[in-house]
Amino acid sequence: MKPKSIAVVGAAETTQMGKIPNMSVLGLHADAALNALADAGLKPSDIDGVATAGESPTALAHYLGITPTYADGTSVGGCSFMLHVRHAAAAINEGLCNTVLITHGESGRSRVGAGGRFGGGGAASLNGQFEMPYGPMGPPTMFTIPVLRYLKARGYTVEDLAMVAVIQREWAAKNPRASYRDPITVADVLGSDMIAWPFTKLMCCLVTDGGGALILTSAERARDFPQKPVYVLGTGESVETPLVSQMEDFTSSKAFRVSGRKAFEEAGIGHADVDHLMIYDAFAHLPLYGLEDLGFCKPGEAATFIRERNTAPPSEGKKGGKLPLNTNGGGLSYMHSGMYGMYALQESVRQMRGIAPAQVPGAKISVSHGVGGMFAASGTIIFSNEVP
């Protein structure tokens, strides 16, 4: 993809977030979509491409009255929406469509019309045959497999995991839409209910309802829309294994490394050029992996990087860190409906538009990085607000 050839011209989340017991999954997709269309000044009939995960693009298009010439139902977990942005950019550049709507909606808390528990595919799936018989209960237990090795190999502690949650709560305190805004300490995190060693409750993501949507079109058309365009500078994606127990290296995600490297190469930038960073944080360890695997920190340096407040907001007269991270509060404090990637993308777009609740002054480049499953997949999108 040629950098800045595609722009985000519409972006919005659902009208409500948190607990929405009166809306189905499809209803959440539609609510987010209509909000994004209003943001872009468009009607459903103006859309000729649809992409979604957690719901069928067929159902979405039918519900909204869209007749697309491009449809993408890629579903690789919570980072699916990063992949949708990448695929939509390719489709628009190739002339398959002109305007793509990407949606997400999930009744993660209320479970209205939601499917079965994590680990689907039945007993015949790889997960069903080789991991579920040993008794894991979804992500909180399955992520512990690599994390325990990672902590030992890096020399990190549970206090380092707790610090991730503490600093992200500082960001959440600045966000009126965040689920939790009260300050917490390392002691609070360590003293919260034990879920599965080493994860306590405050190291685990929220369980909420909500959704979001993006609208993409060519950079040439972007100037005709009411909102400030946000340009796609670089993209990357990869997958590794559906079995967390079969990762090539428990201390590093190959999908993270491949996806991140591709996005930076495509964007033609270095790490010092990045003003703002979103790393999918379903659990407190993921920002640590992300900082190292994306190349912002060397292996073994991420915990100190966070502890020294390099990712933190301004506090008590101190300047904010040099690399603001998860400025919406993240999946640990903002919201997490189950597939968080859309919310990371939304915050990157807000930062590039200059309208985020905790706006990073002068931010010009934002990286939004996601994980799918238990390190099974990854997607990376780099945005810019500078006109090509």
Protein backbone atom coordinates (compact mmCIF):
# COMPACT_ATOMS: atom_id res chain seq x y z
CA MET A 1 0.00 0.00 0.00
CA LYS A 2 1.22 3.47 -0.83
CA PRO A 3 1.41 5.47 2.43
CA LYS A 4 -1.39 8.01 2.88
CA SER A 5 -3.33 6.76 -0.15
CA ILE A 6 -6.26 5.85 2.14
CA ALA A 7 -7.95 7.92 4.83
CA VAL A 8 -10.38 7.38 7.70
CA VAL A 9 -13.25 9.83 7.15
CA GLY A 10 -15.72 8.48 9.70
CA ALA A 11 -15.20 7.07 13.19
CA ALA A 12 -17.50 6.51 16.14
CA GLU A 13 -18.32 4.15 18.98
CA THR A 14 -21.74 3.04 20.15
CA THR A 15 -23.97 5.65 21.75
CA GLN A 16 -23.71 3.83 25.07
CA MET A 17 -20.88 1.71 26.42
CA GLY A 18 -20.57 -0.54 29.44
CA LYS A 19 -23.83 -2.36 30.14
CA ILE A 20 -26.40 -2.30 27.33
CA PRO A 21 -28.91 -5.09 28.01
CA ASN A 22 -31.47 -3.79 25.52
CA MET A 23 -29.34 -4.20 22.37
CA SER A 24 -28.37 -7.29 20.41
CA VAL A 25 -24.96 -7.85 18.85
CA LEU A 26 -26.29 -6.81 15.44
CA GLY A 27 -27.95 -3.80 17.03
CA LEU A 28 -24.61 -2.70 18.49
CA HIS A 29 -22.96 -3.04 15.06
CA ALA A 30 -25.74 -0.94 13.53
CA ASP A 31 -25.62 1.73 16.24
CA ALA A 32 -21.88 2.16 15.77
CA ALA A 33 -22.25 2.15 11.99
CA LEU A 34 -24.96 4.82 11.99
CA ASN A 35 -22.88 6.99 14.32
CA ALA A 36 -19.87 6.68 12.02
CA LEU A 37 -22.00 7.45 8.97
CA ALA A 38 -23.30 10.59 10.69
CA ASP A 39 -19.72 11.52 11.57
CA ALA A 40 -18.76 11.25 7.89
CA GLY A 41 -21.93 12.88 6.57
CA LEU A 42 -22.88 9.73 4.65
CA LYS A 43 -25.92 7.49 4.15
CA PRO A 44 -25.88 3.68 4.00
CA SER A 45 -26.40 3.94 0.23
CA ASP A 46 -23.02 5.70 -0.04
CA ILE A 47 -21.22 2.59 1.24
CA ASP A 48 -20.06 -0.05 -1.25
CA GLY A 49 -17.75 -2.08 0.98
CA VAL A 50 -18.40 -3.76 4.34
CA ALA A 51 -16.11 -5.56 6.77
CA THR A 52 -16.86 -7.01 10.16
CA ALA A 53 -16.05 -9.72 12.70
CA GLY A 54 -18.25 -11.24 15.37
CA GLU A 55 -21.17 -10.79 12.98
CA SER A 56 -21.65 -11.74 9.34
CA PRO A 57 -20.97 -9.03 6.74
CA THR A 58 -24.04 -10.42 4.98
CA ALA A 59 -26.22 -9.74 8.02
CA LEU A 60 -24.68 -6.31 8.48
CA ALA A 61 -25.21 -5.27 4.86
CA HIS A 62 -28.77 -6.57 4.85
CA TYR A 63 -29.65 -4.88 8.13
CA LEU A 64 -28.33 -1.50 6.95
CA GLY A 65 -29.64 -1.80 3.40
CA ILE A 66 -26.18 -1.79 1.81
CA THR A 67 -25.40 -3.53 -1.48
CA PRO A 68 -21.61 -3.94 -1.39
CA THR A 69 -19.16 -4.76 -4.13
CA TYR A 70 -16.61 -5.75 -1.47
CA ALA A 71 -17.18 -7.77 1.70
CA ASP A 72 -14.68 -8.98 4.31
CA GLY A 73 -15.55 -11.35 7.13
CA THR A 74 -11.99 -11.97 8.34
CA SER A 75 -12.17 -13.12 11.96
CA VAL A 76 -8.91 -13.89 13.77
CA GLY A 77 -9.84 -12.56 17.21
CA GLY A 78 -9.69 -9.10 18.70
CA CYS A 79 -7.27 -7.67 16.13
CA SER A 80 -9.58 -8.54 13.21
CA PHE A 81 -10.43 -4.87 12.73
CA MET A 82 -6.78 -3.96 12.15
CA LEU A 83 -6.77 -6.54 9.37
CA HIS A 84 -10.01 -5.10 8.02
CA VAL A 85 -8.37 -1.68 7.72
CA ARG A 86 -5.46 -3.22 5.84
CA HIS A 87 -7.72 -5.22 3.52
CA ALA A 88 -10.02 -2.25 2.90
CA ALA A 89 -7.04 -0.09 1.94
CA ALA A 90 -5.96 -2.71 -0.59
CA ALA A 91 -9.50 -3.06 -1.95
CA ILE A 92 -9.96 0.67 -2.41
CA ASN A 93 -6.57 1.05 -4.07
CA GLU A 94 -7.41 -1.84 -6.38
CA GLY A 95 -10.73 -0.26 -7.38
CA LEU A 96 -12.89 -2.99 -5.88
CA CYS A 97 -14.89 -0.36 -3.98
CA ASN A 98 -14.78 3.28 -3.00
CA THR A 99 -16.04 3.58 0.57
CA VAL A 100 -15.69 0.83 3.19
CA LEU A 101 -17.58 0.56 6.47
CA ILE A 102 -15.85 -1.51 9.18
CA THR A 103 -18.00 -2.37 12.20
CA HIS A 104 -17.76 -4.02 15.57
CA GLY A 105 -20.41 -4.74 18.19
CA GLU A 106 -20.31 -7.11 21.11
CA SER A 107 -22.59 -7.90 24.02
CA GLY A 108 -19.70 -9.07 26.12
CA ARG A 109 -21.36 -8.36 29.47
CA SER A 110 -25.10 -8.66 28.84
CA ARG A 111 -24.64 -11.60 26.43
CA VAL A 112 -27.65 -10.59 24.31
CA GLY A 113 -27.60 -12.98 21.36
CA ALA A 114 -24.02 -13.92 22.11
CA GLY A 115 -22.55 -17.29 21.20
CA GLY A 116 -20.81 -19.92 23.30
CA ARG A 117 -17.75 -19.51 25.45
CA PHE A 118 -14.20 -19.04 24.20
CA GLY A 119 -12.50 -22.02 22.64
CA GLY A 120 -15.18 -22.79 20.07
CA GLY A 121 -14.81 -25.22 17.20
CA GLY A 122 -15.84 -28.20 19.24
CA ALA A 123 -13.96 -31.24 20.42
CA ALA A 124 -12.49 -31.84 16.95
CA SER A 125 -10.70 -28.47 16.81
CA LEU A 126 -7.02 -28.20 17.65
CA ASN A 127 -7.93 -26.30 20.78
CA GLY A 128 -10.55 -28.89 21.72
CA GLN A 129 -8.17 -31.79 21.24
CA PHE A 130 -4.94 -30.52 22.69
CA GLU A 131 -5.62 -27.77 25.25
CA MET A 132 -9.18 -27.83 26.57
CA PRO A 133 -8.88 -31.40 28.01
CA TYR A 134 -6.37 -30.02 30.51
CA GLY A 135 -8.96 -27.74 32.07
CA PRO A 136 -8.20 -24.13 31.02
CA MET A 137 -11.09 -21.71 31.39
CA GLY A 138 -10.48 -19.30 28.56
CA PRO A 139 -7.99 -16.42 28.24
CA PRO A 140 -7.35 -15.72 31.95
CA THR A 141 -5.92 -19.21 32.39
CA MET A 142 -4.50 -19.82 28.90
CA PHE A 143 -2.43 -16.63 28.80
CA THR A 144 -0.65 -17.74 31.96
CA ILE A 145 1.25 -20.37 29.94
CA PRO A 146 3.57 -17.92 28.14
CA VAL A 147 3.43 -15.24 30.84
CA LEU A 148 5.06 -17.32 33.58
CA ARG A 149 7.97 -18.18 31.29
CA TYR A 150 8.18 -14.55 30.12
CA LEU A 151 8.40 -13.18 33.67
CA LYS A 152 11.12 -15.65 34.59
CA ALA A 153 13.17 -15.12 31.42
CA ARG A 154 12.95 -11.32 31.60
CA GLY A 155 13.42 -11.07 35.34
CA TYR A 156 10.08 -9.27 35.65
CA THR A 157 7.81 -9.43 38.70
CA VAL A 158 4.10 -9.36 39.44
CA GLU A 159 4.67 -5.75 40.54
CA ASP A 160 5.71 -5.00 36.95
CA LEU A 161 2.40 -6.39 35.70
CA ALA A 162 0.57 -4.34 38.31
CA MET A 163 2.31 -1.13 37.22
CA VAL A 164 0.82 -1.50 33.73
CA ALA A 165 -2.67 -1.43 35.20
CA VAL A 166 -1.85 1.47 37.53
CA ILE A 167 -0.60 3.78 34.79
CA GLN A 168 -3.43 2.93 32.43
CA ARG A 169 -5.89 3.85 35.17
CA GLU A 170 -4.20 7.27 35.23
CA TRP A 171 -5.12 7.68 31.58
CA ALA A 172 -8.65 6.41 32.21
CA ALA A 173 -9.12 9.08 34.88
CA LYS A 174 -8.93 11.65 32.07
CA ASN A 175 -11.59 9.90 29.96
CA PRO A 176 -15.26 10.56 30.86
CA ARG A 177 -16.35 7.41 28.97
CA ALA A 178 -13.98 5.09 30.83
CA SER A 179 -15.59 2.31 32.88
CA TYR A 180 -13.22 2.82 35.82
CA ARG A 181 -11.56 6.13 36.67
CA ASP A 182 -10.62 5.98 40.34
CA PRO A 183 -6.86 5.86 41.00
CA ILE A 184 -5.32 2.52 41.96
CA THR A 185 -1.94 1.52 43.37
CA VAL A 186 0.31 -1.46 42.85
CA ALA A 187 -0.91 -2.73 46.22
CA ASP A 188 -4.52 -2.42 45.05
CA VAL A 189 -3.78 -4.46 41.95
CA LEU A 190 -1.91 -7.17 43.83
CA GLY A 191 -4.57 -7.27 46.53
CA SER A 192 -7.49 -7.72 44.14
CA ASP A 193 -9.04 -11.16 43.70
CA MET A 194 -6.71 -13.82 42.35
CA ILE A 195 -7.97 -15.12 39.00
CA ALA A 196 -5.16 -17.39 37.77
CA TRP A 197 -1.56 -16.93 38.85
CA PRO A 198 -0.06 -14.44 38.20
CA PHE A 199 -3.20 -12.54 37.14
CA THR A 200 -5.31 -10.75 39.70
CA LYS A 201 -8.64 -9.22 38.77
CA LEU A 202 -7.18 -5.76 38.10
CA MET A 203 -4.66 -7.27 35.68
CA CYS A 204 -7.54 -8.64 33.58
CA CYS A 205 -9.65 -6.77 31.06
CA LEU A 206 -13.13 -5.50 31.70
CA VAL A 207 -16.21 -7.32 30.43
CA THR A 208 -18.52 -4.78 28.78
CA ASP A 209 -20.97 -4.15 25.95
CA GLY A 210 -20.27 -1.79 23.06
CA GLY A 211 -18.92 -1.36 19.58
CA GLY A 212 -17.36 0.95 17.06
CA ALA A 213 -17.13 1.66 13.35
CA LEU A 214 -14.74 3.22 10.86
CA ILE A 215 -15.27 4.51 7.32
CA LEU A 216 -12.37 4.50 4.86
CA THR A 217 -12.00 5.97 1.40
CA SER A 218 -9.25 7.21 -0.91
CA ALA A 219 -7.12 10.14 0.14
CA GLU A 220 -8.24 12.00 -2.99
CA ARG A 221 -11.85 11.93 -1.79
CA ALA A 222 -11.04 12.60 1.87
CA ARG A 223 -11.02 16.38 1.52
CA ASP A 224 -14.74 16.26 0.62
CA PHE A 225 -15.78 15.04 4.08
CA PRO A 226 -16.64 17.14 7.13
CA GLN A 227 -14.12 15.63 9.56
CA LYS A 228 -10.35 15.95 9.57
CA PRO A 229 -8.97 13.01 7.54
CA VAL A 230 -6.69 10.53 9.26
CA TYR A 231 -4.36 8.83 6.79
CA VAL A 232 -3.25 5.22 6.83
CA LEU A 233 0.53 5.34 6.78
CA GLY A 234 1.46 1.67 7.17
CA THR A 235 -0.17 -1.71 7.79
CA GLY A 236 0.85 -5.19 8.83
CA GLU A 237 -0.68 -8.52 9.79
CA SER A 238 0.36 -12.05 10.65
CA VAL A 239 -0.72 -15.23 12.43
CA GLU A 240 1.23 -17.83 14.39
CA THR A 241 -0.67 -20.66 16.07
CA PRO A 242 -4.20 -21.33 17.42
CA LEU A 243 -2.58 -23.12 20.36
CA VAL A 244 -0.91 -20.87 22.92
CA SER A 245 1.01 -23.92 24.14
CA GLN A 246 2.68 -24.19 20.73
CA MET A 247 4.13 -20.68 20.43
CA GLU A 248 7.59 -20.67 18.89
CA ASP A 249 8.87 -18.64 21.85
CA PHE A 250 6.90 -17.92 25.02
CA THR A 251 8.85 -14.70 25.55
CA SER A 252 7.97 -13.13 22.20
CA SER A 253 5.06 -13.15 19.75
CA LYS A 254 6.13 -13.97 16.21
CA ALA A 255 2.87 -12.52 14.90
CA PHE A 256 3.61 -9.26 16.75
CA ARG A 257 7.10 -9.05 15.28
CA VAL A 258 6.06 -9.79 11.69
CA SER A 259 3.01 -7.51 11.74
CA GLY A 260 4.85 -4.62 13.37
CA ARG A 261 7.89 -4.88 11.12
CA LYS A 262 5.73 -4.86 7.99
CA ALA A 263 3.78 -1.80 9.13
CA PHE A 264 6.91 0.20 9.96
CA GLU A 265 8.56 -0.76 6.67
CA GLU A 266 5.47 0.25 4.72
CA ALA A 267 5.16 3.53 6.60
CA GLY A 268 8.83 4.34 6.11
CA ILE A 269 9.23 5.63 9.67
CA GLY A 270 11.35 4.86 12.71
CA HIS A 271 10.28 4.35 16.31
CA ALA A 272 11.40 7.87 17.24
CA ASP A 273 8.79 9.24 14.82
CA VAL A 274 5.89 7.75 16.80
CA ASP A 275 4.00 10.20 19.02
CA HIS A 276 1.27 7.91 20.33
CA LEU A 277 0.87 4.18 20.81
CA MET A 278 -2.05 1.83 21.40
CA ILE A 279 -1.26 -1.77 22.36
CA TYR A 280 -4.18 -4.12 22.85
CA ASP A 281 -4.23 -4.87 26.57
CA ALA A 282 -6.67 -7.65 27.33
CA PHE A 283 -4.27 -8.49 30.16
CA ALA A 284 -1.48 -6.54 31.81
CA HIS A 285 1.34 -8.44 30.13
CA LEU A 286 0.43 -7.46 26.58
CA PRO A 287 1.83 -3.89 26.63
CA LEU A 288 5.14 -5.35 27.84
CA TYR A 289 5.26 -7.83 24.96
CA GLY A 290 4.13 -5.14 22.53
CA LEU A 291 6.80 -2.62 23.52
CA GLU A 292 9.51 -5.25 23.03
CA ASP A 293 8.18 -7.03 19.94
CA LEU A 294 7.43 -3.79 18.11
CA GLY A 295 10.96 -2.59 18.83
CA PHE A 296 10.27 0.31 21.18
CA CYS A 297 12.23 -1.47 23.93
CA LYS A 298 14.89 -4.15 23.89
CA PRO A 299 13.96 -7.52 25.44
CA GLY A 300 14.01 -7.11 29.20
CA GLU A 301 13.61 -3.31 29.18
CA ALA A 302 9.85 -2.83 28.84
CA ALA A 303 9.03 -3.10 32.55
CA THR A 304 11.56 -0.43 33.48
CA PHE A 305 10.35 1.72 30.58
CA ILE A 306 6.83 1.70 32.02
CA ARG A 307 7.96 1.95 35.65
CA GLU A 308 9.93 5.11 34.81
CA ARG A 309 6.68 6.64 33.50
CA ASN A 310 7.71 6.85 29.87
CA THR A 311 4.16 5.82 28.89
CA ALA A 312 2.32 7.80 31.57
CA PRO A 313 0.27 11.02 31.48
CA PRO A 314 1.40 14.22 33.20
CA SER A 315 1.06 13.84 36.96
CA GLU A 316 1.69 16.09 39.98
CA GLY A 317 3.58 18.70 38.04
CA LYS A 318 5.60 16.14 36.09
CA LYS A 319 5.68 16.04 32.34
CA GLY A 320 4.00 13.18 30.56
CA GLY A 321 6.09 10.32 29.23
CA LYS A 322 7.79 10.40 25.85
CA LEU A 323 5.58 7.62 24.47
CA PRO A 324 1.94 7.99 25.60
CA LEU A 325 0.45 4.49 25.66
CA ASN A 326 -3.19 3.39 25.77
CA THR A 327 -4.44 6.89 26.40
CA ASN A 328 -8.12 5.90 26.54
CA GLY A 329 -7.42 3.72 29.60
CA GLY A 330 -7.17 0.54 27.58
CA GLY A 331 -9.00 -2.72 27.96
CA LEU A 332 -8.04 -2.73 31.63
CA SER A 333 -9.93 0.47 32.53
CA TYR A 334 -11.71 1.96 29.48
CA MET A 335 -13.74 -0.92 28.09
CA HIS A 336 -13.29 -4.41 26.66
CA SER A 337 -16.23 -6.20 25.11
CA GLY A 338 -14.18 -9.24 24.07
CA MET A 339 -12.61 -8.03 20.81
CA TYR A 340 -10.83 -4.84 21.74
CA GLY A 341 -9.03 -3.91 18.51
CA MET A 342 -11.73 -1.53 17.29
CA TYR A 343 -11.44 0.59 20.44
CA ALA A 344 -7.67 0.90 20.03
CA LEU A 345 -8.22 2.07 16.46
CA GLN A 346 -10.85 4.57 17.60
CA GLU A 347 -8.46 6.13 20.11
CA SER A 348 -5.70 6.41 17.51
CA VAL A 349 -8.11 8.19 15.19
CA ARG A 350 -9.25 10.54 17.97
CA GLN A 351 -5.64 11.38 18.78
CA MET A 352 -4.90 12.10 15.12
CA ARG A 353 -7.99 14.27 14.86
CA GLY A 354 -6.95 16.15 18.00
CA ILE A 355 -10.18 15.41 19.88
CA ALA A 356 -9.18 12.71 22.39
CA PRO A 357 -10.17 13.30 26.04
CA ALA A 358 -6.51 12.92 27.00
CA GLN A 359 -5.08 14.51 23.87
CA VAL A 360 -1.36 14.20 23.23
CA PRO A 361 -0.21 17.71 22.20
CA GLY A 362 1.13 17.89 18.67
CA ALA A 363 0.74 14.17 17.96
CA LYS A 364 1.25 13.44 14.26
CA ILE A 365 1.78 9.66 14.10
CA SER A 366 -0.08 6.97 16.03
CA VAL A 367 0.50 3.21 16.05
CA SER A 368 -2.42 0.91 16.83
CA HIS A 369 -1.39 -2.69 17.50
CA GLY A 370 -3.65 -5.64 18.22
CA VAL A 371 -3.60 -9.27 19.25
CA GLY A 372 -6.00 -12.02 18.25
CA GLY A 373 -6.67 -14.99 20.51
CA MET A 374 -3.79 -16.14 22.69
CA PHE A 375 -1.00 -14.61 20.55
CA ALA A 376 -2.62 -16.39 17.59
CA ALA A 377 -2.76 -13.34 15.31
CA SER A 378 -1.74 -9.72 15.12
CA GLY A 379 -2.53 -6.56 13.19
CA THR A 380 -0.72 -3.21 13.16
CA ILE A 381 -1.98 0.06 11.69
CA ILE A 382 0.04 3.28 11.61
CA PHE A 383 -1.91 6.51 11.21
CA SER A 384 -0.86 10.07 10.34
CA ASN A 385 -2.75 13.36 10.38
CA GLU A 386 -0.38 15.14 8.02
CA VAL A 387 -1.79 15.84 4.59
CA PRO A 388 0.01 13.93 1.81
